[in-house]
C-alpha atoms as a PDB file:
ATOM      1  CA  MET A   1      85.842 -60.930 153.858  1.00  0.00           C
ATOM      2  CA  THR A   2      82.826 -63.172 153.582  1.00  0.00           C
ATOM      3  CA  GLU A   3      79.669 -62.202 151.743  1.00  0.00           C
ATOM      4  CA  LYS A   4      77.900 -61.703 155.085  1.00  0.00           C
ATOM      5  CA  GLU A   5      80.721 -59.439 156.299  1.00  0.00           C
ATOM      6  CA  LEU A   6      80.391 -57.447 153.076  1.00  0.00           C
ATOM      7  CA  HIS A   7      76.644 -57.033 153.704  1.00  0.00           C
ATOM      8  CA  ILE A   8      77.364 -55.780 157.235  1.00  0.00           C
ATOM      9  CA  PHE A   9      80.030 -53.367 155.936  1.00  0.00           C
ATOM     10  CA  MET A  10      77.699 -52.044 153.234  1.00  0.00           C
ATOM     11  CA  ALA A  11      74.811 -51.647 155.688  1.00  0.00           C
ATOM     12  CA  LYS A  12      76.984 -49.527 157.968  1.00  0.00           C
ATOM     13  CA  LYS A  13      78.243 -47.410 155.038  1.00  0.00           C
ATOM     14  CA  MET A  14      74.673 -46.851 153.805  1.00  0.00           C
ATOM     15  CA  ASN A  15      73.232 -46.389 157.305  1.00  0.00           C
ATOM     16  CA  SER A  16      70.851 -49.203 156.463  1.00  0.00           C
ATOM     17  CA  THR A  17      70.097 -52.797 157.388  1.00  0.00           C
ATOM     18  CA  GLU A  18      72.043 -55.902 156.477  1.00  0.00           C
ATOM     19  CA  GLU A  19      68.981 -57.201 154.617  1.00  0.00           C
ATOM     20  CA  GLU A  20      68.819 -54.022 152.514  1.00  0.00           C
ATOM     21  CA  ALA A  21      72.548 -54.296 151.714  1.00  0.00           C
ATOM     22  CA  LYS A  22      72.001 -57.912 150.671  1.00  0.00           C
ATOM     23  CA  LYS A  23      69.299 -56.764 148.237  1.00  0.00           C
ATOM     24  CA  TRP A  24      71.694 -54.165 146.767  1.00  0.00           C
ATOM     25  CA  MET A  25      74.364 -56.845 146.259  1.00  0.00           C
ATOM     26  CA  GLU A  26      71.860 -59.193 144.624  1.00  0.00           C
ATOM     27  CA  ALA A  27      70.775 -56.391 142.280  1.00  0.00           C
ATOM     28  CA  LEU A  28      74.415 -55.655 141.393  1.00  0.00           C
ATOM     29  CA  ASN A  29      75.041 -59.340 140.682  1.00  0.00           C
ATOM     30  CA  GLU A  30      71.939 -59.485 138.481  1.00  0.00           C
ATOM     31  CA  GLY A  31      73.073 -56.362 136.617  1.00  0.00           C
ATOM     32  CA  VAL A  32      76.500 -57.845 135.899  1.00  0.00           C
ATOM     33  CA  TYR A  33      74.901 -61.121 134.816  1.00  0.00           C
ATOM     34  CA  LYS A  34      72.412 -59.310 132.555  1.00  0.00           C
ATOM     35  CA  SER A  35      75.102 -57.229 130.876  1.00  0.00           C
ATOM     36  CA  ILE A  36      77.158 -60.341 130.164  1.00  0.00           C
ATOM     37  CA  THR A  37      74.208 -62.384 128.860  1.00  0.00           C
ATOM     38  CA  ASP A  38      73.236 -59.411 126.668  1.00  0.00           C
ATOM     39  CA  ARG A  39      76.887 -59.296 125.516  1.00  0.00           C
ATOM     40  CA  GLU A  40      77.282 -55.746 126.743  1.00  0.00           C
ATOM     41  CA  SER A  41      80.179 -54.409 128.768  1.00  0.00           C
ATOM     42  CA  LEU A  42      79.663 -52.969 132.243  1.00  0.00           C
ATOM     43  CA  THR A  43      82.020 -50.397 133.708  1.00  0.00           C
ATOM     44  CA  ILE A  44      81.873 -49.582 137.411  1.00  0.00           C
ATOM     45  CA  LYS A  45      83.792 -46.385 138.141  1.00  0.00           C
ATOM     46  CA  ASN A  46      86.885 -46.932 140.321  1.00  0.00           C
ATOM     47  CA  PHE A  47      86.306 -50.701 140.256  1.00  0.00           C
ATOM     48  CA  GLY A  48      86.674 -52.015 136.731  1.00  0.00           C
ATOM     49  CA  LYS A  49      85.079 -53.256 133.548  1.00  0.00           C
ATOM     50  CA  PHE A  50      83.302 -56.573 132.955  1.00  0.00           C
ATOM     51  CA  TYR A  51      82.950 -57.689 129.362  1.00  0.00           C
ATOM     52  CA  ILE A  52      82.959 -60.669 127.042  1.00  0.00           C
ATOM     53  CA  ARG A  53      85.061 -61.184 123.967  1.00  0.00           C
ATOM     54  CA  GLU A  54      84.326 -63.534 121.157  1.00  0.00           C
ATOM     55  CA  THR A  55      87.334 -65.330 119.681  1.00  0.00           C
ATOM     56  CA  SER A  56      87.823 -66.029 115.990  1.00  0.00           C
ATOM     57  CA  SER A  57      86.766 -69.638 116.666  1.00  0.00           C
ATOM     58  CA  GLY A  58      83.449 -68.443 118.132  1.00  0.00           C
ATOM     59  CA  SER A  59      84.297 -69.129 121.775  1.00  0.00           C
ATOM     60  CA  ILE A  60      83.234 -66.564 124.349  1.00  0.00           C
ATOM     61  CA  ILE A  61      85.714 -65.331 126.950  1.00  0.00           C
ATOM     62  CA  PHE A  62      84.590 -63.515 130.116  1.00  0.00           C
ATOM     63  CA  LYS A  63      86.982 -60.703 131.018  1.00  0.00           C
ATOM     64  CA  PHE A  64      87.458 -58.263 133.849  1.00  0.00           C
ATOM     65  CA  THR A  65      89.811 -55.299 133.690  1.00  0.00           C
ATOM     66  CA  PRO A  66      90.381 -53.593 137.035  1.00  0.00           C
ATOM     67  CA  ALA A  67      90.270 -49.805 137.216  1.00  0.00           C
ATOM     68  CA  LYS A  68      93.555 -47.936 137.608  1.00  0.00           C
ATOM     69  CA  ASN A  69      93.152 -47.363 141.349  1.00  0.00           C
ATOM     70  CA  MET A  70      92.394 -51.073 141.869  1.00  0.00           C
ATOM     71  CA  ARG A  71      95.468 -52.054 139.826  1.00  0.00           C
ATOM     72  CA  ASN A  72      97.600 -49.687 141.894  1.00  0.00           C
ATOM     73  CA  LEU A  73      96.186 -51.079 145.125  1.00  0.00           C
ATOM     74  CA  VAL A  74      97.352 -54.607 144.379  1.00  0.00           C
ATOM     75  CA  GLY A  75     100.389 -53.755 142.261  1.00  0.00           C
ATOM     76  CA  TYR A  76      98.826 -55.077 139.045  1.00  0.00           C
ATOM     77  CA  SER A  77     100.299 -53.581 135.896  1.00  0.00           C
END
């Protein structure tokens, strides 16, 4: 699915316009980015958790842990 196809899908689900769906996606992206730059985790129910981890050497690692239903969907254990 392309980003445009996702906007169309979201617009139909929300009974809205593609442009409005695009704004929602941009806001979500900004929220994820903000939580990471603020070094906070972000959990989206039934999707997963975005977070960063600092190693003992001071490096920062970006992590994503899928939610249980997402893991089951793709057979990830």
